[in-house]
Amino acid sequence: MSTDYQLRPTRYCRACGASVDADVVACTKCGTIQSLALMTIESEKRIVPTLALCVFFGFLGVHRFYVGKVATGMLQLLTLGGLGIWVMVDMVLLIVGAFRDGEGGRLTEGV
């Protein structure tokens, strides 16, 4: 008995762990975007003003409000920036260019 079907390459969803085709854009179970090409979207927000807001008003979460992360901005406001730890993590993420805006876009360089 022979089988004439081909197996499609699969991978696991980054969010829910479900098995999805390797070339899908979004998970069919949870809807999370899977394509790395779509993760390179650039934001209108800039790194330098966001970093300045983080340094001076990070304990209030102002930088997160600025980039559109309102829910986590509120959490930082209520916890005083995670007692400073969360603010330090955000500063490092901003410096290395890994901080994203509320829509998942990469912050752009410049003032």
PDB file of N, CA and C in Angstrom:
ATOM      1  N   MET A   1       0.846  -1.160   0.000  1.00  0.00           N
ATOM      2  CA  MET A   1       0.000   0.000   0.000  1.00  0.00           C
ATOM      3  C   MET A   1       0.901   1.236   0.000  1.00  0.00           C
ATOM      4  N   SER A   2       0.723   2.088  -0.965  1.00  0.00           N
ATOM      5  CA  SER A   2       1.551   3.288  -1.033  1.00  0.00           C
ATOM      6  C   SER A   2       0.696   4.521  -0.770  1.00  0.00           C
ATOM      7  N   THR A   3       1.359   5.522  -0.260  1.00  0.00           N
ATOM      8  CA  THR A   3       0.666   6.787  -0.015  1.00  0.00           C
ATOM      9  C   THR A   3       1.277   7.826  -0.936  1.00  0.00           C
ATOM     10  N   ASP A   4       0.428   8.549  -1.629  1.00  0.00           N
ATOM     11  CA  ASP A   4       0.888   9.541  -2.594  1.00  0.00           C
ATOM     12  C   ASP A   4       0.665  10.973  -2.117  1.00  0.00           C
ATOM     13  N   TYR A   5       0.573  11.162  -0.851  1.00  0.00           N
ATOM     14  CA  TYR A   5       0.378  12.525  -0.364  1.00  0.00           C
ATOM     15  C   TYR A   5       1.701  13.088   0.147  1.00  0.00           C
ATOM     16  N   GLN A   6       1.797  14.400   0.129  1.00  0.00           N
ATOM     17  CA  GLN A   6       2.993  15.062   0.638  1.00  0.00           C
ATOM     18  C   GLN A   6       2.661  15.750   1.946  1.00  0.00           C
ATOM     19  N   LEU A   7       3.567  15.670   2.844  1.00  0.00           N
ATOM     20  CA  LEU A   7       3.392  16.379   4.107  1.00  0.00           C
ATOM     21  C   LEU A   7       3.850  17.819   3.940  1.00  0.00           C
ATOM     22  N   ARG A   8       3.017  18.737   4.371  1.00  0.00           N
ATOM     23  CA  ARG A   8       3.385  20.146   4.323  1.00  0.00           C
ATOM     24  C   ARG A   8       4.216  20.472   5.558  1.00  0.00           C
ATOM     25  N   PRO A   9       5.225  21.321   5.394  1.00  0.00           N
ATOM     26  CA  PRO A   9       6.022  21.698   6.571  1.00  0.00           C
ATOM     27  C   PRO A   9       5.162  22.461   7.568  1.00  0.00           C
ATOM     28  N   THR A  10       5.327  22.139   8.827  1.00  0.00           N
ATOM     29  CA  THR A  10       4.545  22.799   9.879  1.00  0.00           C
ATOM     30  C   THR A  10       5.494  23.374  10.921  1.00  0.00           C
ATOM     31  N   ARG A  11       4.930  24.218  11.760  1.00  0.00           N
ATOM     32  CA  ARG A  11       5.635  24.748  12.921  1.00  0.00           C
ATOM     33  C   ARG A  11       4.583  24.990  13.992  1.00  0.00           C
ATOM     34  N   TYR A  12       5.014  25.442  15.140  1.00  0.00           N
ATOM     35  CA  TYR A  12       4.086  25.687  16.234  1.00  0.00           C
ATOM     36  C   TYR A  12       3.830  27.180  16.381  1.00  0.00           C
ATOM     37  N   CYS A  13       2.593  27.517  16.710  1.00  0.00           N
ATOM     38  CA  CYS A  13       2.206  28.919  16.913  1.00  0.00           C
ATOM     39  C   CYS A  13       3.022  29.505  18.057  1.00  0.00           C
ATOM     40  N   ARG A  14       3.461  30.753  17.881  1.00  0.00           N
ATOM     41  CA  ARG A  14       4.254  31.431  18.906  1.00  0.00           C
ATOM     42  C   ARG A  14       3.437  31.732  20.153  1.00  0.00           C
ATOM     43  N   ALA A  15       2.117  31.830  20.032  1.00  0.00           N
ATOM     44  CA  ALA A  15       1.298  32.222  21.170  1.00  0.00           C
ATOM     45  C   ALA A  15       0.628  31.038  21.857  1.00  0.00           C
ATOM     46  N   CYS A  16      -0.061  30.191  21.080  1.00  0.00           N
ATOM     47  CA  CYS A  16      -0.858  29.126  21.696  1.00  0.00           C
ATOM     48  C   CYS A  16      -0.238  27.746  21.555  1.00  0.00           C
ATOM     49  N   GLY A  17       0.773  27.581  20.707  1.00  0.00           N
ATOM     50  CA  GLY A  17       1.441  26.292  20.557  1.00  0.00           C
ATOM     51  C   GLY A  17       0.773  25.326  19.609  1.00  0.00           C
ATOM     52  N   ALA A  18      -0.293  25.750  18.936  1.00  0.00           N
ATOM     53  CA  ALA A  18      -0.979  24.875  17.987  1.00  0.00           C
ATOM     54  C   ALA A  18      -0.106  24.636  16.759  1.00  0.00           C
ATOM     55  N   SER A  19      -0.251  23.492  16.139  1.00  0.00           N
ATOM     56  CA  SER A  19       0.499  23.177  14.929  1.00  0.00           C
ATOM     57  C   SER A  19      -0.141  23.911  13.747  1.00  0.00           C
ATOM     58  N   VAL A  20       0.664  24.692  13.018  1.00  0.00           N
ATOM     59  CA  VAL A  20       0.177  25.455  11.866  1.00  0.00           C
ATOM     60  C   VAL A  20       1.105  25.226  10.684  1.00  0.00           C
ATOM     61  N   ASP A  21       0.608  25.465   9.472  1.00  0.00           N
ATOM     62  CA  ASP A  21       1.465  25.373   8.292  1.00  0.00           C
ATOM     63  C   ASP A  21       2.601  26.382   8.417  1.00  0.00           C
ATOM     64  N   ALA A  22       3.755  26.034   7.885  1.00  0.00           N
ATOM     65  CA  ALA A  22       4.936  26.889   8.018  1.00  0.00           C
ATOM     66  C   ALA A  22       4.797  28.209   7.274  1.00  0.00           C
ATOM     67  N   ASP A  23       3.915  28.281   6.284  1.00  0.00           N
ATOM     68  CA  ASP A  23       3.815  29.498   5.481  1.00  0.00           C
ATOM     69  C   ASP A  23       2.573  30.337   5.782  1.00  0.00           C
ATOM     70  N   VAL A  24       1.845  30.042   6.852  1.00  0.00           N
ATOM     71  CA  VAL A  24       0.658  30.828   7.174  1.00  0.00           C
ATOM     72  C   VAL A  24       1.051  32.161   7.780  1.00  0.00           C
ATOM     73  N   VAL A  25       0.189  33.144   7.614  1.00  0.00           N
ATOM     74  CA  VAL A  25       0.433  34.471   8.173  1.00  0.00           C
ATOM     75  C   VAL A  25      -0.059  34.542   9.609  1.00  0.00           C
ATOM     76  N   ALA A  26      -1.213  33.913   9.889  1.00  0.00           N
ATOM     77  CA  ALA A  26      -1.782  33.952  11.227  1.00  0.00           C
ATOM     78  C   ALA A  26      -2.234  32.562  11.641  1.00  0.00           C
ATOM     79  N   CYS A  27      -2.173  32.293  12.926  1.00  0.00           N
ATOM     80  CA  CYS A  27      -2.605  31.013  13.478  1.00  0.00           C
ATOM     81  C   CYS A  27      -4.106  30.855  13.269  1.00  0.00           C
ATOM     82  N   THR A  28      -4.521  29.670  12.843  1.00  0.00           N
ATOM     83  CA  THR A  28      -5.944  29.428  12.616  1.00  0.00           C
ATOM     84  C   THR A  28      -6.696  29.231  13.923  1.00  0.00           C
ATOM     85  N   LYS A  29      -6.003  28.948  15.006  1.00  0.00           N
ATOM     86  CA  LYS A  29      -6.649  28.737  16.293  1.00  0.00           C
ATOM     87  C   LYS A  29      -6.813  30.033  17.092  1.00  0.00           C
ATOM     88  N   CYS A  30      -5.705  30.813  17.217  1.00  0.00           N
ATOM     89  CA  CYS A  30      -5.768  32.010  18.065  1.00  0.00           C
ATOM     90  C   CYS A  30      -5.658  33.325  17.291  1.00  0.00           C
ATOM     91  N   GLY A  31      -5.234  33.268  16.016  1.00  0.00           N
ATOM     92  CA  GLY A  31      -5.154  34.462  15.195  1.00  0.00           C
ATOM     93  C   GLY A  31      -3.872  35.260  15.323  1.00  0.00           C
ATOM     94  N   THR A  32      -2.900  34.776  16.085  1.00  0.00           N
ATOM     95  CA  THR A  32      -1.638  35.488  16.262  1.00  0.00           C
ATOM     96  C   THR A  32      -0.839  35.496  14.968  1.00  0.00           C
ATOM     97  N   ILE A  33      -0.276  36.650  14.628  1.00  0.00           N
ATOM     98  CA  ILE A  33       0.529  36.769  13.412  1.00  0.00           C
ATOM     99  C   ILE A  33       1.782  35.924  13.558  1.00  0.00           C
ATOM    100  N   GLN A  34       2.080  35.116  12.545  1.00  0.00           N
ATOM    101  CA  GLN A  34       3.217  34.203  12.572  1.00  0.00           C
ATOM    102  C   GLN A  34       4.357  34.629  11.671  1.00  0.00           C
ATOM    103  N   SER A  35       4.065  35.384  10.640  1.00  0.00           N
ATOM    104  CA  SER A  35       5.079  35.722   9.646  1.00  0.00           C
ATOM    105  C   SER A  35       6.093  36.705  10.205  1.00  0.00           C
ATOM    106  N   LEU A  36       7.367  36.363  10.065  1.00  0.00           N
ATOM    107  CA  LEU A  36       8.420  37.276  10.519  1.00  0.00           C
ATOM    108  C   LEU A  36       8.510  38.503   9.632  1.00  0.00           C
ATOM    109  N   ALA A  37       8.099  38.380   8.365  1.00  0.00           N
ATOM    110  CA  ALA A  37       8.129  39.528   7.458  1.00  0.00           C
ATOM    111  C   ALA A  37       7.177  40.618   7.941  1.00  0.00           C
ATOM    112  N   LEU A  38       6.062  40.216   8.532  1.00  0.00           N
ATOM    113  CA  LEU A  38       5.104  41.196   9.030  1.00  0.00           C
ATOM    114  C   LEU A  38       5.566  41.827  10.343  1.00  0.00           C
ATOM    115  N   MET A  39       6.547  41.228  10.995  1.00  0.00           N
ATOM    116  CA  MET A  39       7.031  41.760  12.259  1.00  0.00           C
ATOM    117  C   MET A  39       8.010  42.907  12.068  1.00  0.00           C
ATOM    118  N   THR A  40       8.338  43.260  10.829  1.00  0.00           N
ATOM    119  CA  THR A  40       9.277  44.352  10.578  1.00  0.00           C
ATOM    120  C   THR A  40       8.562  45.659  10.256  1.00  0.00           C
ATOM    121  N   ILE A  41       7.312  45.775  10.623  1.00  0.00           N
ATOM    122  CA  ILE A  41       6.549  46.995  10.404  1.00  0.00           C
ATOM    123  C   ILE A  41       7.168  48.118  11.239  1.00  0.00           C
ATOM    124  N   GLU A  42       7.358  49.283  10.624  1.00  0.00           N
ATOM    125  CA  GLU A  42       7.930  50.410  11.346  1.00  0.00           C
ATOM    126  C   GLU A  42       6.832  51.296  11.914  1.00  0.00           C
ATOM    127  N   SER A  43       7.086  51.822  13.071  1.00  0.00           N
ATOM    128  CA  SER A  43       6.153  52.693  13.759  1.00  0.00           C
ATOM    129  C   SER A  43       6.401  54.151  13.377  1.00  0.00           C
ATOM    130  N   GLU A  44       5.410  54.996  13.604  1.00  0.00           N
ATOM    131  CA  GLU A  44       5.586  56.437  13.435  1.00  0.00           C
ATOM    132  C   GLU A  44       6.342  57.025  14.620  1.00  0.00           C
ATOM    133  N   LYS A  45       6.361  56.311  15.723  1.00  0.00           N
ATOM    134  CA  LYS A  45       7.019  56.796  16.943  1.00  0.00           C
ATOM    135  C   LYS A  45       8.529  56.624  16.827  1.00  0.00           C
ATOM    136  N   ARG A  46       9.256  57.517  17.497  1.00  0.00           N
ATOM    137  CA  ARG A  46      10.715  57.542  17.435  1.00  0.00           C
ATOM    138  C   ARG A  46      11.327  57.028  18.741  1.00  0.00           C
ATOM    139  N   ILE A  47      12.536  56.503  18.639  1.00  0.00           N
ATOM    140  CA  ILE A  47      13.225  55.950  19.808  1.00  0.00           C
ATOM    141  C   ILE A  47      13.637  57.047  20.788  1.00  0.00           C
ATOM    142  N   VAL A  48      14.227  58.136  20.301  1.00  0.00           N
ATOM    143  CA  VAL A  48      14.795  59.166  21.184  1.00  0.00           C
ATOM    144  C   VAL A  48      13.731  59.810  22.089  1.00  0.00           C
ATOM    145  N   PRO A  49      12.593  60.273  21.556  1.00  0.00           N
ATOM    146  CA  PRO A  49      11.588  60.839  22.472  1.00  0.00           C
ATOM    147  C   PRO A  49      11.024  59.805  23.444  1.00  0.00           C
ATOM    148  N   THR A  50      10.889  58.573  22.974  1.00  0.00           N
ATOM    149  CA  THR A  50      10.376  57.522  23.852  1.00  0.00           C
ATOM    150  C   THR A  50      11.367  57.236  24.971  1.00  0.00           C
ATOM    151  N   LEU A  51      12.654  57.201  24.643  1.00  0.00           N
ATOM    152  CA  LEU A  51      13.685  56.977  25.660  1.00  0.00           C
ATOM    153  C   LEU A  51      13.726  58.136  26.650  1.00  0.00           C
ATOM    154  N   ALA A  52      13.584  59.361  26.155  1.00  0.00           N
ATOM    155  CA  ALA A  52      13.573  60.523  27.049  1.00  0.00           C
ATOM    156  C   ALA A  52      12.384  60.454  28.012  1.00  0.00           C
ATOM    157  N   LEU A  53      11.224  60.085  27.500  1.00  0.00           N
ATOM    158  CA  LEU A  53      10.049  59.940  28.368  1.00  0.00           C
ATOM    159  C   LEU A  53      10.257  58.826  29.386  1.00  0.00           C
ATOM    160  N   CYS A  54      10.905  57.764  28.960  1.00  0.00           N
ATOM    161  CA  CYS A  54      11.164  56.637  29.859  1.00  0.00           C
ATOM    162  C   CYS A  54      12.125  57.040  30.969  1.00  0.00           C
ATOM    163  N   VAL A  55      13.168  57.786  30.621  1.00  0.00           N
ATOM    164  CA  VAL A  55      14.164  58.189  31.618  1.00  0.00           C
ATOM    165  C   VAL A  55      13.556  59.140  32.650  1.00  0.00           C
ATOM    166  N   PHE A  56      12.815  60.143  32.180  1.00  0.00           N
ATOM    167  CA  PHE A  56      12.316  61.175  33.092  1.00  0.00           C
ATOM    168  C   PHE A  56      10.967  60.854  33.732  1.00  0.00           C
ATOM    169  N   PHE A  57      10.099  60.144  33.022  1.00  0.00           N
ATOM    170  CA  PHE A  57       8.758  59.878  33.550  1.00  0.00           C
ATOM    171  C   PHE A  57       8.390  58.388  33.484  1.00  0.00           C
ATOM    172  N   GLY A  58       9.393  57.535  33.403  1.00  0.00           N
ATOM    173  CA  GLY A  58       9.151  56.106  33.267  1.00  0.00           C
ATOM    174  C   GLY A  58       8.369  55.504  34.417  1.00  0.00           C
ATOM    175  N   PHE A  59       8.596  56.001  35.626  1.00  0.00           N
ATOM    176  CA  PHE A  59       7.886  55.469  36.783  1.00  0.00           C
ATOM    177  C   PHE A  59       6.385  55.737  36.707  1.00  0.00           C
ATOM    178  N   LEU A  60       5.972  56.665  35.836  1.00  0.00           N
ATOM    179  CA  LEU A  60       4.550  56.935  35.608  1.00  0.00           C
ATOM    180  C   LEU A  60       4.019  56.227  34.359  1.00  0.00           C
ATOM    181  N   GLY A  61       4.901  55.563  33.619  1.00  0.00           N
ATOM    182  CA  GLY A  61       4.479  54.843  32.422  1.00  0.00           C
ATOM    183  C   GLY A  61       4.186  55.725  31.219  1.00  0.00           C
ATOM    184  N   VAL A  62       4.658  56.972  31.254  1.00  0.00           N
ATOM    185  CA  VAL A  62       4.345  57.934  30.193  1.00  0.00           C
ATOM    186  C   VAL A  62       4.832  57.445  28.829  1.00  0.00           C
ATOM    187  N   HIS A  63       6.004  56.834  28.784  1.00  0.00           N
ATOM    188  CA  HIS A  63       6.533  56.349  27.505  1.00  0.00           C
ATOM    189  C   HIS A  63       5.634  55.276  26.888  1.00  0.00           C
ATOM    190  N   ARG A  64       4.996  54.468  27.707  1.00  0.00           N
ATOM    191  CA  ARG A  64       4.087  53.442  27.191  1.00  0.00           C
ATOM    192  C   ARG A  64       2.791  54.066  26.674  1.00  0.00           C
ATOM    193  N   PHE A  65       2.297  55.088  27.340  1.00  0.00           N
ATOM    194  CA  PHE A  65       1.136  55.808  26.810  1.00  0.00           C
ATOM    195  C   PHE A  65       1.481  56.427  25.460  1.00  0.00           C
ATOM    196  N   TYR A  66       2.690  56.973  25.335  1.00  0.00           N
ATOM    197  CA  TYR A  66       3.140  57.629  24.110  1.00  0.00           C
ATOM    198  C   TYR A  66       3.141  56.681  22.920  1.00  0.00           C
ATOM    199  N   VAL A  67       3.562  55.442  23.124  1.00  0.00           N
ATOM    200  CA  VAL A  67       3.640  54.500  22.007  1.00  0.00           C
ATOM    201  C   VAL A  67       2.353  53.704  21.805  1.00  0.00           C
ATOM    202  N   GLY A  68       1.343  53.943  22.615  1.00  0.00           N
ATOM    203  CA  GLY A  68       0.051  53.295  22.424  1.00  0.00           C
ATOM    204  C   GLY A  68      -0.178  52.056  23.259  1.00  0.00           C
ATOM    205  N   LYS A  69       0.661  51.811  24.244  1.00  0.00           N
ATOM    206  CA  LYS A  69       0.485  50.664  25.137  1.00  0.00           C
ATOM    207  C   LYS A  69      -0.201  51.151  26.410  1.00  0.00           C
ATOM    208  N   VAL A  70      -1.488  51.450  26.283  1.00  0.00           N
ATOM    209  CA  VAL A  70      -2.228  52.099  27.362  1.00  0.00           C
ATOM    210  C   VAL A  70      -2.394  51.177  28.574  1.00  0.00           C
ATOM    211  N   ALA A  71      -2.711  49.917  28.352  1.00  0.00           N
ATOM    212  CA  ALA A  71      -2.951  49.002  29.473  1.00  0.00           C
ATOM    213  C   ALA A  71      -1.699  48.830  30.326  1.00  0.00           C
ATOM    214  N   THR A  72      -0.562  48.602  29.691  1.00  0.00           N
ATOM    215  CA  THR A  72       0.667  48.448  30.468  1.00  0.00           C
ATOM    216  C   THR A  72       1.148  49.792  31.011  1.00  0.00           C
ATOM    217  N   GLY A  73       0.773  50.871  30.358  1.00  0.00           N
ATOM    218  CA  GLY A  73       1.055  52.200  30.896  1.00  0.00           C
ATOM    219  C   GLY A  73       0.327  52.414  32.210  1.00  0.00           C
ATOM    220  N   MET A  74      -0.923  51.976  32.253  1.00  0.00           N
ATOM    221  CA  MET A  74      -1.704  52.073  33.496  1.00  0.00           C
ATOM    222  C   MET A  74      -1.078  51.217  34.596  1.00  0.00           C
ATOM    223  N   LEU A  75      -0.626  50.016  34.224  1.00  0.00           N
ATOM    224  CA  LEU A  75       0.019  49.157  35.220  1.00  0.00           C
ATOM    225  C   LEU A  75       1.294  49.794  35.754  1.00  0.00           C
ATOM    226  N   GLN A  76       2.071  50.410  34.875  1.00  0.00           N
ATOM    227  CA  GLN A  76       3.285  51.090  35.350  1.00  0.00           C
ATOM    228  C   GLN A  76       2.935  52.278  36.227  1.00  0.00           C
ATOM    229  N   LEU A  77       1.878  52.977  35.884  1.00  0.00           N
ATOM    230  CA  LEU A  77       1.447  54.113  36.689  1.00  0.00           C
ATOM    231  C   LEU A  77       1.052  53.661  38.102  1.00  0.00           C
ATOM    232  N   LEU A  78       0.320  52.558  38.182  1.00  0.00           N
ATOM    233  CA  LEU A  78      -0.149  52.062  39.481  1.00  0.00           C
ATOM    234  C   LEU A  78       0.954  51.416  40.316  1.00  0.00           C
ATOM    235  N   THR A  79       1.992  50.880  39.660  1.00  0.00           N
ATOM    236  CA  THR A  79       3.072  50.206  40.389  1.00  0.00           C
ATOM    237  C   THR A  79       4.357  51.017  40.433  1.00  0.00           C
ATOM    238  N   LEU A  80       4.270  52.278  40.003  1.00  0.00           N
ATOM    239  CA  LEU A  80       5.443  53.151  39.923  1.00  0.00           C
ATOM    240  C   LEU A  80       6.557  52.499  39.103  1.00  0.00           C
ATOM    241  N   GLY A  81       6.158  52.066  37.926  1.00  0.00           N
ATOM    242  CA  GLY A  81       7.118  51.461  36.997  1.00  0.00           C
ATOM    243  C   GLY A  81       7.630  50.116  37.463  1.00  0.00           C
ATOM    244  N   GLY A  82       6.763  49.363  38.123  1.00  0.00           N
ATOM    245  CA  GLY A  82       7.207  48.069  38.647  1.00  0.00           C
ATOM    246  C   GLY A  82       8.313  48.253  39.664  1.00  0.00           C
ATOM    247  N   LEU A  83       8.175  49.319  40.485  1.00  0.00           N
ATOM    248  CA  LEU A  83       9.181  49.713  41.479  1.00  0.00           C
ATOM    249  C   LEU A  83      10.543  49.946  40.839  1.00  0.00           C
ATOM    250  N   GLY A  84      10.512  50.435  39.594  1.00  0.00           N
ATOM    251  CA  GLY A  84      11.741  50.805  38.905  1.00  0.00           C
ATOM    252  C   GLY A  84      12.327  49.705  38.035  1.00  0.00           C
ATOM    253  N   ILE A  85      11.997  48.455  38.314  1.00  0.00           N
ATOM    254  CA  ILE A  85      12.570  47.343  37.552  1.00  0.00           C
ATOM    255  C   ILE A  85      12.037  47.334  36.128  1.00  0.00           C
ATOM    256  N   TRP A  86      10.725  47.492  35.980  1.00  0.00           N
ATOM    257  CA  TRP A  86      10.084  47.484  34.666  1.00  0.00           C
ATOM    258  C   TRP A  86      10.618  48.625  33.807  1.00  0.00           C
ATOM    259  N   VAL A  87      10.824  49.782  34.422  1.00  0.00           N
ATOM    260  CA  VAL A  87      11.355  50.939  33.701  1.00  0.00           C
ATOM    261  C   VAL A  87      12.766  50.663  33.195  1.00  0.00           C
ATOM    262  N   MET A  88      13.584  50.025  34.024  1.00  0.00           N
ATOM    263  CA  MET A  88      14.947  49.691  33.607  1.00  0.00           C
ATOM    264  C   MET A  88      14.936  48.710  32.428  1.00  0.00           C
ATOM    265  N   VAL A  89      14.043  47.744  32.469  1.00  0.00           N
ATOM    266  CA  VAL A  89      13.917  46.787  31.365  1.00  0.00           C
ATOM    267  C   VAL A  89      13.514  47.519  30.092  1.00  0.00           C
ATOM    268  N   ASP A  90      12.542  48.428  30.205  1.00  0.00           N
ATOM    269  CA  ASP A  90      12.109  49.203  29.038  1.00  0.00           C
ATOM    270  C   ASP A  90      13.252  50.053  28.482  1.00  0.00           C
ATOM    271  N   MET A  91      14.070  50.633  29.359  1.00  0.00           N
ATOM    272  CA  MET A  91      15.208  51.431  28.893  1.00  0.00           C
ATOM    273  C   MET A  91      16.180  50.581  28.085  1.00  0.00           C
ATOM    274  N   VAL A  92      16.474  49.397  28.573  1.00  0.00           N
ATOM    275  CA  VAL A  92      17.386  48.500  27.856  1.00  0.00           C
ATOM    276  C   VAL A  92      16.782  48.118  26.504  1.00  0.00           C
ATOM    277  N   LEU A  93      15.483  47.786  26.485  1.00  0.00           N
ATOM    278  CA  LEU A  93      14.818  47.435  25.232  1.00  0.00           C
ATOM    279  C   LEU A  93      14.852  48.598  24.236  1.00  0.00           C
ATOM    280  N   LEU A  94      14.695  49.810  24.726  1.00  0.00           N
ATOM    281  CA  LEU A  94      14.766  50.984  23.859  1.00  0.00           C
ATOM    282  C   LEU A  94      16.176  51.189  23.316  1.00  0.00           C
ATOM    283  N   ILE A  95      17.160  51.018  24.150  1.00  0.00           N
ATOM    284  CA  ILE A  95      18.549  51.235  23.728  1.00  0.00           C
ATOM    285  C   ILE A  95      18.971  50.217  22.676  1.00  0.00           C
ATOM    286  N   VAL A  96      18.569  48.961  22.832  1.00  0.00           N
ATOM    287  CA  VAL A  96      18.963  47.934  21.862  1.00  0.00           C
ATOM    288  C   VAL A  96      18.032  47.869  20.660  1.00  0.00           C
ATOM    289  N   GLY A  97      16.941  48.659  20.681  1.00  0.00           N
ATOM    290  CA  GLY A  97      16.031  48.721  19.540  1.00  0.00           C
ATOM    291  C   GLY A  97      15.001  47.622  19.486  1.00  0.00           C
ATOM    292  N   ALA A  98      14.715  46.979  20.609  1.00  0.00           N
ATOM    293  CA  ALA A  98      13.763  45.876  20.635  1.00  0.00           C
ATOM    294  C   ALA A  98      12.380  46.290  21.145  1.00  0.00           C
ATOM    295  N   PHE A  99      12.206  47.542  21.542  1.00  0.00           N
ATOM    296  CA  PHE A  99      10.921  48.013  22.067  1.00  0.00           C
ATOM    297  C   PHE A  99       9.953  48.221  20.906  1.00  0.00           C
ATOM    298  N   ARG A 100       8.721  47.797  21.064  1.00  0.00           N
ATOM    299  CA  ARG A 100       7.699  47.902  20.021  1.00  0.00           C
ATOM    300  C   ARG A 100       6.580  48.834  20.477  1.00  0.00           C
ATOM    301  N   ASP A 101       5.857  49.410  19.499  1.00  0.00           N
ATOM    302  CA  ASP A 101       4.722  50.254  19.853  1.00  0.00           C
ATOM    303  C   ASP A 101       3.496  49.382  20.121  1.00  0.00           C
ATOM    304  N   GLY A 102       2.367  50.000  20.372  1.00  0.00           N
ATOM    305  CA  GLY A 102       1.146  49.289  20.705  1.00  0.00           C
ATOM    306  C   GLY A 102       0.613  48.396  19.604  1.00  0.00           C
ATOM    307  N   GLU A 103       0.997  48.646  18.372  1.00  0.00           N
ATOM    308  CA  GLU A 103       0.558  47.834  17.232  1.00  0.00           C
ATOM    309  C   GLU A 103       1.610  46.825  16.801  1.00  0.00           C
ATOM    310  N   GLY A 104       2.710  46.741  17.532  1.00  0.00           N
ATOM    311  CA  GLY A 104       3.765  45.791  17.223  1.00  0.00           C
ATOM    312  C   GLY A 104       4.824  46.308  16.283  1.00  0.00           C
ATOM    313  N   GLY A 105       4.755  47.573  15.911  1.00  0.00           N
ATOM    314  CA  GLY A 105       5.740  48.144  14.997  1.00  0.00           C
ATOM    315  C   GLY A 105       7.033  48.497  15.688  1.00  0.00           C
ATOM    316  N   ARG A 106       8.118  48.389  14.952  1.00  0.00           N
ATOM    317  CA  ARG A 106       9.445  48.724  15.472  1.00  0.00           C
ATOM    318  C   ARG A 106       9.602  50.248  15.498  1.00  0.00           C
ATOM    319  N   LEU A 107      10.040  50.784  16.632  1.00  0.00           N
ATOM    320  CA  LEU A 107      10.269  52.230  16.731  1.00  0.00           C
ATOM    321  C   LEU A 107      11.394  52.628  15.794  1.00  0.00           C
ATOM    322  N   THR A 108      11.260  53.784  15.156  1.00  0.00           N
ATOM    323  CA  THR A 108      12.254  54.223  14.192  1.00  0.00           C
ATOM    324  C   THR A 108      13.284  55.110  14.864  1.00  0.00           C
ATOM    325  N   GLU A 109      14.432  55.212  14.222  1.00  0.00           N
ATOM    326  CA  GLU A 109      15.526  56.024  14.745  1.00  0.00           C
ATOM    327  C   GLU A 109      15.264  57.494  14.431  1.00  0.00           C
ATOM    328  N   GLY A 110      15.931  58.356  15.118  1.00  0.00           N
ATOM    329  CA  GLY A 110      15.795  59.785  14.852  1.00  0.00           C
ATOM    330  C   GLY A 110      15.058  60.489  15.951  1.00  0.00           C
ATOM    331  N   VAL A 111      14.955  61.785  15.796  1.00  0.00           N
ATOM    332  CA  VAL A 111      14.338  62.628  16.821  1.00  0.00           C
ATOM    333  C   VAL A 111      12.904  62.936  16.485  1.00  0.00           C
TER     334      VAL A 111
END
